[in-house]
Amino acid sequence: MKQPFKNLLGQLMFLAGFDELLLRNAAVVVAFHRVHDTFDPSGLTISPDTFERHCAFFKQHFDVVPLRDLVDKMHEGVRLDHHLAITFDDGYLDNYENAAPVLEKLSLPATFFVVTQFMGSDGVPWWDVNQGVRHPWMTWDHVRSLKRMGFDVGAHTRTHVDLGAVSERVAKEEILGARLELQNELAGPVDLFAYPYGRRRNLDNRGRDLVKAIGFRCCCSSFGGINVSGGDPFQLRRVPISPWYATPQQFGLEVAFRRSELLLEVG
């Protein structure tokens, strides 16, 4: 299906209110990485204008809640209904400079998952090395400022290691170390966790058991899909937002399609 048609169909679906039916008893968690105007063939970056359009769409058509509230509802067995939570991965400086002002302007909550050893460093991760670029990281002062602004901060390991490919000892050091470092820097508890990479092969029961034992209350993936009432907060699905979504309406349509596919599978 071509993008212009998807955009039109998405507009019509939300105008007609079909989203209320398709997204009933469900929640969507979206994931962003970078928000700036630099061209990025990897798909990890969207422009500030595109980010604001997505956020305005979220606010108009969803009940946007903090991720921790969504996790609480899942732990308590409370019904989900048209909820959406906004998250960011890694800890790029543009999250603070470009994304946070938009979120504040629209009064939207968000959770920032940071790689603790990247904060305040000059390190360049392999995916940026491959693109021949360097995008600066937030400092710990930036992270603390986000916390003071009312945003949540979660852990994304210490060095962005693939937890599905390392030993249990290394996985524990990465998960526990990130939590302790964050709690020390923020002077408060940290109990939200997102897997680096977040594809199915990067997650396993061993890792989830470690995350639970260390004291986190959720595990976020990045392989798409929606979350339904009665779901497991340690198997939270997230929808990565990239330039592949030409418009927020296309995003809405894709999410609704995933919900309808799930209903057919269950039925």
Protein backbone atom coordinates (compact mmCIF):
# COMPACT_ATOMS: atom_id res chain seq x y z
CA MET A 1 0.00 0.00 0.00
CA LYS A 2 1.49 3.34 -1.09
CA GLN A 3 2.26 5.99 1.55
CA PRO A 4 -0.13 8.68 0.17
CA PHE A 5 -2.99 6.19 0.28
CA LYS A 6 -2.03 5.09 3.78
CA ASN A 7 -2.02 8.72 4.87
CA LEU A 8 -5.49 9.33 3.42
CA LEU A 9 -6.88 6.11 4.86
CA GLY A 10 -5.40 6.97 8.25
CA GLN A 11 -7.01 10.41 8.17
CA LEU A 12 -10.38 8.92 7.29
CA MET A 13 -10.10 6.26 10.00
CA PHE A 14 -9.47 8.79 12.75
CA LEU A 15 -12.07 11.22 11.42
CA ALA A 16 -14.67 8.45 11.39
CA GLY A 17 -13.72 7.31 14.88
CA PHE A 18 -12.84 3.75 13.86
CA ASP A 19 -9.68 4.09 15.96
CA GLU A 20 -11.88 4.03 19.08
CA LEU A 21 -12.93 0.50 18.19
CA LEU A 22 -9.60 -0.79 16.91
CA LEU A 23 -7.55 0.59 19.79
CA ARG A 24 -10.00 -0.22 22.57
CA ASN A 25 -8.45 -2.15 25.44
CA ALA A 26 -4.98 -1.42 24.07
CA ALA A 27 -1.96 0.82 24.60
CA VAL A 28 0.80 2.00 22.30
CA VAL A 29 4.35 2.83 23.40
CA VAL A 30 6.35 4.85 20.87
CA ALA A 31 10.15 5.13 20.77
CA PHE A 32 12.23 8.01 19.42
CA HIS A 33 16.01 8.29 19.17
CA ARG A 34 17.15 11.61 17.70
CA VAL A 35 15.20 14.81 16.97
CA HIS A 36 17.05 17.22 14.69
CA ASP A 37 17.26 18.35 11.06
CA THR A 38 20.33 16.43 9.91
CA PHE A 39 19.72 13.87 7.16
CA ASP A 40 20.04 10.37 8.57
CA PRO A 41 19.90 7.31 6.28
CA SER A 42 19.73 5.00 9.30
CA GLY A 43 16.19 6.15 10.12
CA LEU A 44 17.00 6.99 13.73
CA THR A 45 16.37 10.72 13.29
CA ILE A 46 13.26 12.79 12.67
CA SER A 47 13.08 16.56 12.34
CA PRO A 48 11.77 18.78 15.15
CA ASP A 49 8.80 19.79 12.95
CA THR A 50 7.92 16.16 12.29
CA PHE A 51 8.30 15.37 15.98
CA GLU A 52 5.90 18.17 16.90
CA ARG A 53 3.34 16.96 14.35
CA HIS A 54 3.50 13.46 15.82
CA CYS A 55 3.13 14.81 19.35
CA ALA A 56 0.14 16.97 18.39
CA PHE A 57 -1.43 13.89 16.77
CA PHE A 58 -0.81 11.81 19.90
CA LYS A 59 -2.41 14.47 22.06
CA GLN A 60 -5.47 14.76 19.83
CA HIS A 61 -6.19 11.07 19.32
CA PHE A 62 -4.78 9.22 22.35
CA ASP A 63 -4.77 9.38 26.11
CA VAL A 64 -1.07 10.18 26.51
CA VAL A 65 0.19 8.93 29.88
CA PRO A 66 3.58 8.52 31.54
CA LEU A 67 5.08 5.11 30.84
CA ARG A 68 5.19 4.40 34.58
CA ASP A 69 1.40 4.89 34.78
CA LEU A 70 0.95 2.40 31.97
CA VAL A 71 3.24 -0.05 33.75
CA ASP A 72 1.28 0.44 36.99
CA LYS A 73 -1.97 -0.37 35.18
CA MET A 74 -0.46 -3.54 33.75
CA HIS A 75 0.84 -4.68 37.13
CA GLU A 76 -2.54 -3.97 38.73
CA GLY A 77 -4.53 -5.60 35.95
CA VAL A 78 -6.31 -2.32 35.18
CA ARG A 79 -7.88 -2.00 31.75
CA LEU A 80 -5.91 -0.17 29.07
CA ASP A 81 -7.89 1.97 26.67
CA HIS A 82 -6.42 4.11 23.89
CA HIS A 83 -3.35 4.90 25.99
CA LEU A 84 -0.05 6.02 24.50
CA ALA A 85 3.33 6.53 26.17
CA ILE A 86 6.27 8.44 24.66
CA THR A 87 9.83 7.18 25.15
CA PHE A 88 13.35 8.03 23.95
CA ASP A 89 16.39 5.80 23.75
CA ASP A 90 20.12 6.37 24.24
CA GLY A 91 20.39 9.94 25.61
CA TYR A 92 21.26 12.21 22.70
CA LEU A 93 21.60 15.91 23.45
CA ASP A 94 18.91 16.82 20.91
CA ASN A 95 16.39 15.05 23.16
CA TYR A 96 16.97 17.82 25.67
CA GLU A 97 17.40 20.68 23.22
CA ASN A 98 14.71 19.88 20.63
CA ALA A 99 12.28 17.31 22.00
CA ALA A 100 11.79 18.42 25.61
CA PRO A 101 10.60 21.96 24.66
CA VAL A 102 7.92 20.47 22.37
CA LEU A 103 6.80 18.08 25.07
CA GLU A 104 6.59 20.92 27.57
CA LYS A 105 4.72 23.13 25.09
CA LEU A 106 2.09 20.41 24.57
CA SER A 107 2.11 19.28 28.24
CA LEU A 108 3.01 15.72 27.29
CA PRO A 109 4.85 13.25 29.56
CA ALA A 110 7.78 11.16 28.35
CA THR A 111 10.42 8.73 29.55
CA PHE A 112 14.08 9.06 28.54
CA PHE A 113 16.07 5.81 28.60
CA VAL A 114 19.76 6.70 28.80
CA VAL A 115 22.97 4.73 28.37
CA THR A 116 24.76 5.75 31.53
CA GLN A 117 28.37 5.55 30.31
CA PHE A 118 27.51 7.67 27.26
CA MET A 119 26.28 10.62 29.33
CA GLY A 120 28.80 13.47 29.30
CA SER A 121 31.21 11.50 27.13
CA ASP A 122 32.70 11.99 23.67
CA GLY A 123 32.05 8.37 22.73
CA VAL A 124 30.68 7.51 19.31
CA PRO A 125 28.64 4.28 19.09
CA TRP A 126 29.22 1.88 16.23
CA TRP A 127 26.03 2.85 14.39
CA ASP A 128 27.18 6.48 14.21
CA VAL A 129 30.72 5.42 13.30
CA ASN A 130 29.26 3.49 10.35
CA GLN A 131 27.50 6.66 9.18
CA GLY A 132 30.60 8.80 9.67
CA VAL A 133 28.79 11.13 12.09
CA ARG A 134 29.01 12.16 15.70
CA HIS A 135 25.96 13.28 17.63
CA PRO A 136 26.63 14.70 21.12
CA TRP A 137 25.23 13.15 24.26
CA MET A 138 23.46 14.81 27.13
CA THR A 139 25.46 15.55 30.26
CA TRP A 140 24.27 14.43 33.67
CA ASP A 141 23.15 18.01 34.29
CA HIS A 142 20.84 17.70 31.30
CA VAL A 143 19.48 14.39 32.58
CA ARG A 144 18.86 15.86 36.02
CA SER A 145 17.15 18.83 34.41
CA LEU A 146 14.78 16.52 32.55
CA LYS A 147 13.92 14.90 35.86
CA ARG A 148 13.24 18.29 37.47
CA MET A 149 11.00 19.16 34.51
CA GLY A 150 8.80 16.21 35.44
CA PHE A 151 9.98 13.65 32.90
CA ASP A 152 10.90 10.10 33.87
CA VAL A 153 14.40 8.71 33.31
CA GLY A 154 14.99 5.01 32.81
CA ALA A 155 17.95 2.69 32.25
CA HIS A 156 19.24 1.47 28.88
CA THR A 157 22.30 -0.39 30.25
CA ARG A 158 25.74 1.07 30.87
CA THR A 159 27.26 0.71 27.36
CA HIS A 160 24.38 -0.31 25.05
CA VAL A 161 25.47 -3.94 25.02
CA ASP A 162 23.48 -6.65 23.23
CA LEU A 163 22.06 -8.47 26.23
CA GLY A 164 21.15 -11.45 24.08
CA ALA A 165 24.78 -12.04 23.14
CA VAL A 166 26.74 -11.64 26.41
CA SER A 167 27.26 -13.79 29.46
CA GLU A 168 24.95 -13.60 32.46
CA ARG A 169 27.73 -11.94 34.45
CA VAL A 170 28.16 -9.15 31.89
CA ALA A 171 24.40 -8.75 31.51
CA LYS A 172 24.05 -8.30 35.26
CA GLU A 173 26.87 -5.75 35.35
CA GLU A 174 25.22 -3.78 32.55
CA ILE A 175 21.70 -3.84 34.01
CA LEU A 176 22.51 -3.41 37.69
CA GLY A 177 25.35 -0.98 37.01
CA ALA A 178 23.06 1.27 34.96
CA ARG A 179 20.45 1.32 37.72
CA LEU A 180 22.98 2.15 40.43
CA GLU A 181 24.64 4.87 38.36
CA LEU A 182 21.30 6.48 37.52
CA GLN A 183 20.11 6.36 41.12
CA ASN A 184 23.34 7.92 42.28
CA GLU A 185 23.16 10.73 39.70
CA LEU A 186 19.44 11.39 40.17
CA ALA A 187 19.33 10.82 43.93
CA GLY A 188 16.20 8.74 43.60
CA PRO A 189 14.81 5.34 42.56
CA VAL A 190 14.95 4.15 38.95
CA ASP A 191 12.69 1.26 37.96
CA LEU A 192 12.02 1.54 34.21
CA PHE A 193 14.20 -0.38 31.74
CA ALA A 194 14.49 -0.61 27.95
CA TYR A 195 16.53 -3.22 26.12
CA PRO A 196 19.27 -1.96 23.79
CA TYR A 197 18.44 -2.90 20.19
CA GLY A 198 15.22 -4.44 21.49
CA ARG A 199 14.61 -6.97 18.76
CA ARG A 200 13.33 -10.44 19.58
CA ARG A 201 16.80 -11.99 19.39
CA ASN A 202 18.14 -9.39 21.85
CA LEU A 203 15.62 -10.38 24.54
CA ASP A 204 15.35 -13.66 26.40
CA ASN A 205 13.89 -15.00 29.62
CA ARG A 206 17.29 -14.97 31.29
CA GLY A 207 17.55 -11.24 30.70
CA ARG A 208 14.00 -10.58 31.83
CA ASP A 209 14.61 -12.54 35.02
CA LEU A 210 17.69 -10.40 35.71
CA VAL A 211 15.77 -7.19 35.09
CA LYS A 212 13.06 -8.31 37.53
CA ALA A 213 15.54 -9.45 40.17
CA ILE A 214 17.47 -6.17 40.01
CA GLY A 215 14.31 -4.23 40.78
CA PHE A 216 12.97 -2.87 37.51
CA ARG A 217 9.23 -2.95 36.85
CA CYS A 218 9.22 -3.29 33.07
CA CYS A 219 11.22 -4.26 30.00
CA CYS A 220 10.64 -2.30 26.80
CA SER A 221 11.41 -3.84 23.42
CA SER A 222 11.64 -2.08 20.07
CA PHE A 223 10.16 -4.59 17.65
CA GLY A 224 6.76 -2.98 17.23
CA GLY A 225 3.27 -4.00 18.14
CA ILE A 226 0.73 -2.92 20.70
CA ASN A 227 0.05 -3.84 24.31
CA VAL A 228 -3.30 -5.11 25.51
CA SER A 229 -4.97 -5.32 28.91
CA GLY A 230 -3.64 -8.26 30.90
CA GLY A 231 -0.28 -8.10 29.13
CA ASP A 232 3.12 -8.58 30.72
CA PRO A 233 4.95 -5.30 31.57
CA PHE A 234 8.21 -7.22 31.18
CA GLN A 235 7.34 -7.81 27.53
CA LEU A 236 6.31 -4.29 26.56
CA ARG A 237 6.25 -3.68 22.83
CA ARG A 238 7.21 -0.32 21.38
CA VAL A 239 6.73 1.23 17.96
CA PRO A 240 9.91 3.02 16.78
CA ILE A 241 9.07 6.31 15.05
CA SER A 242 11.18 6.99 11.97
CA PRO A 243 10.89 8.86 8.65
CA TRP A 244 9.29 5.68 7.28
CA TYR A 245 6.05 7.10 8.67
CA ALA A 246 5.42 9.89 6.19
CA THR A 247 2.72 11.36 8.44
CA PRO A 248 1.30 10.76 11.92
CA GLN A 249 -1.87 9.51 10.22
CA GLN A 250 0.12 6.75 8.55
CA PHE A 251 1.51 5.81 11.97
CA GLY A 252 -2.05 5.66 13.33
CA LEU A 253 -3.19 3.45 10.48
CA GLU A 254 -0.27 1.04 10.91
CA VAL A 255 -0.97 0.76 14.65
CA ALA A 256 -4.66 0.11 14.02
CA PHE A 257 -3.78 -2.58 11.45
CA ARG A 258 -1.58 -4.32 14.00
CA ARG A 259 -4.46 -4.26 16.47
CA SER A 260 -6.86 -5.73 13.92
CA GLU A 261 -4.34 -8.48 13.05
CA LEU A 262 -4.04 -9.32 16.75
CA LEU A 263 -7.83 -9.52 17.09
CA LEU A 264 -7.97 -11.92 14.17
CA GLU A 265 -5.24 -14.10 15.70
CA VAL A 266 -7.03 -14.23 19.06
CA GLY A 267 -10.40 -14.81 17.41
